[in-house]
Protein backbone atom coordinates (compact mmCIF):
# COMPACT_ATOMS: atom_id res chain seq x y z
CA MET A 1 106.53 -68.51 -151.76
CA THR A 2 106.60 -64.76 -151.38
CA SER A 3 102.94 -64.29 -152.39
CA VAL A 4 101.64 -66.61 -149.73
CA ARG A 5 103.86 -64.94 -147.15
CA VAL A 6 102.36 -61.55 -148.00
CA LEU A 7 98.86 -62.87 -147.35
CA THR A 8 100.02 -64.45 -144.09
CA GLN A 9 101.81 -61.31 -142.93
CA LEU A 10 98.77 -59.17 -143.63
CA GLY A 11 96.62 -61.65 -141.74
CA ILE A 12 94.15 -62.11 -144.58
CA SER A 13 92.98 -65.19 -146.34
CA GLY A 14 93.35 -65.39 -150.06
CA GLN A 15 94.43 -67.43 -153.00
CA GLU A 16 97.46 -67.41 -155.22
CA ILE A 17 97.66 -67.77 -158.97
CA ASP A 18 101.09 -68.88 -160.11
CA LEU A 19 103.02 -67.74 -163.15
CA ALA A 20 102.21 -70.84 -165.21
CA THR A 21 98.47 -70.31 -164.71
CA LEU A 22 98.77 -66.59 -165.46
CA ARG A 23 100.38 -67.38 -168.79
CA SER A 24 97.87 -70.12 -169.67
CA ASP A 25 94.61 -70.02 -171.61
CA ARG A 26 92.68 -70.81 -168.42
CA PHE A 27 93.87 -67.74 -166.46
CA ALA A 28 90.84 -65.46 -167.00
CA ALA A 29 88.40 -68.24 -166.09
CA GLN A 30 90.38 -69.16 -162.99
CA LEU A 31 90.57 -65.53 -161.86
CA ALA A 32 86.79 -65.18 -162.27
CA GLU A 33 86.27 -68.16 -159.92
CA HIS A 34 88.15 -66.55 -157.02
CA ARG A 35 86.60 -64.27 -154.41
CA GLY A 36 88.45 -62.11 -151.92
CA ALA A 37 92.17 -61.47 -152.07
CA VAL A 38 94.00 -63.01 -155.01
CA VAL A 39 97.77 -62.70 -155.30
CA ILE A 40 99.14 -63.16 -158.79
CA ASP A 41 102.85 -63.46 -159.48
CA ALA A 42 104.08 -61.58 -162.54
CA GLU A 43 107.54 -61.10 -164.02
CA ARG A 44 107.05 -59.10 -167.21
CA GLU A 45 104.94 -56.25 -168.50
CA GLU A 46 103.05 -58.76 -170.66
CA ASP A 47 102.08 -60.67 -167.50
CA ILE A 48 100.66 -57.52 -165.93
CA ALA A 49 98.80 -56.70 -169.15
CA ARG A 50 97.18 -60.18 -168.98
CA ILE A 51 96.10 -59.50 -165.39
CA LEU A 52 94.55 -56.16 -166.32
CA ALA A 53 92.81 -57.57 -169.39
CA ALA A 54 91.22 -60.31 -167.27
CA ALA A 55 90.39 -57.92 -164.41
CA VAL A 56 88.28 -55.63 -166.60
CA GLN A 57 86.14 -58.64 -167.58
CA LEU A 58 85.18 -59.49 -163.99
CA GLU A 59 81.63 -58.90 -162.74
CA GLU A 60 82.87 -56.92 -159.75
CA THR A 61 85.49 -54.22 -160.18
CA PRO A 62 88.63 -55.46 -158.40
CA LEU A 63 90.94 -53.33 -156.26
CA LEU A 64 94.27 -53.73 -158.00
CA VAL A 65 97.33 -53.44 -155.77
CA GLY A 66 100.87 -53.64 -157.03
CA ALA A 67 104.14 -51.91 -157.68
CA ALA A 68 105.41 -49.58 -160.39
CA GLY A 69 104.98 -52.21 -163.09
CA LEU A 70 101.24 -52.33 -162.45
CA SER A 71 100.82 -48.58 -162.58
CA ASP A 72 102.90 -48.30 -165.75
CA VAL A 73 100.83 -50.88 -167.65
CA LEU A 74 97.55 -49.58 -166.21
CA GLY A 75 98.39 -46.05 -167.34
CA LYS A 76 99.14 -47.25 -170.86
CA GLN A 77 95.92 -49.26 -171.05
CA LEU A 78 93.80 -46.41 -169.68
CA ALA A 79 95.32 -44.02 -172.20
CA ARG A 80 94.40 -46.41 -175.03
CA VAL A 81 90.83 -46.88 -173.73
CA SER A 82 90.23 -43.16 -173.34
CA GLY A 83 91.79 -42.38 -176.70
CA GLU A 84 94.27 -40.01 -175.09
CA PRO A 85 97.84 -40.09 -176.34
CA GLU A 86 100.40 -41.37 -173.84
CA SER A 87 102.21 -38.46 -172.26
CA ASP A 88 104.46 -37.75 -169.32
CA ALA A 89 103.27 -34.14 -169.20
CA PRO A 90 101.19 -33.19 -166.13
CA SER A 91 97.59 -32.22 -166.68
CA ASP A 92 96.34 -28.86 -165.40
CA GLU A 93 92.82 -30.27 -165.15
CA ARG A 94 93.42 -33.05 -162.64
CA VAL A 95 91.06 -33.32 -159.70
CA ALA A 96 92.43 -34.20 -156.25
CA ALA A 97 91.44 -37.71 -155.22
CA PRO A 98 92.61 -40.38 -152.78
CA VAL A 99 95.72 -42.28 -153.84
CA LEU A 100 96.98 -45.75 -153.02
CA ALA A 101 100.76 -46.06 -153.31
CA VAL A 102 102.47 -49.41 -152.99
CA ILE A 103 106.19 -48.95 -152.45
CA GLY A 104 108.08 -52.20 -152.61
CA SER A 105 111.57 -50.80 -152.51
CA MET A 106 113.70 -50.53 -149.38
CA SER A 107 116.05 -48.09 -151.13
CA ALA A 108 117.07 -44.85 -149.44
CA SER A 109 115.43 -42.95 -152.27
CA ALA A 110 112.07 -44.67 -151.70
CA GLN A 111 112.29 -44.02 -147.97
CA GLN A 112 113.00 -40.33 -148.64
CA GLN A 113 109.97 -40.16 -150.94
CA ILE A 114 107.76 -41.70 -148.25
CA ALA A 115 109.06 -39.20 -145.69
CA ARG A 116 108.39 -36.26 -148.03
CA LEU A 117 104.88 -37.50 -148.72
CA ALA A 118 104.20 -37.97 -145.00
CA ALA A 119 105.37 -34.41 -144.34
CA ALA A 120 103.11 -32.98 -147.04
CA CYS A 121 99.96 -35.08 -146.65
CA GLU A 122 97.98 -37.18 -144.23
CA ILE A 123 98.95 -40.77 -145.00
CA ALA A 124 98.53 -44.23 -143.52
CA LEU A 125 101.47 -46.61 -143.72
CA VAL A 126 101.20 -50.40 -143.76
CA ASP A 127 104.55 -52.12 -143.39
CA VAL A 128 104.89 -55.68 -144.69
CA ASP A 129 107.87 -57.65 -143.47
CA VAL A 130 109.08 -59.68 -146.44
CA ARG A 131 111.83 -61.50 -144.55
């Protein structure tokens, strides 16, 4: 399974929650039982929304790591919580803060974006071989 391989390649121990468990009534309780790295497979936006809904209920605030789908759903949920309307317009009042970007694409476009970011900012890259 890809999820397990990611944990192995990163050299960290962790647990996996499969798609069937994610979509079940026992998902939130099972997530709350885990400590450390937990890899959860998701296919749809609804799956990611379930992960976020369960994550906000945890005693400890988790570090969520994922691809564009995670950030899209997270942005929508944060906009609803804060009462702000969803918007693609940039805010003039944003404060600079550290950013974690997870780029799962090997496309030329993604590689160009990484190169531009590296030229403009101090970044740390972690490559994960998914072969």
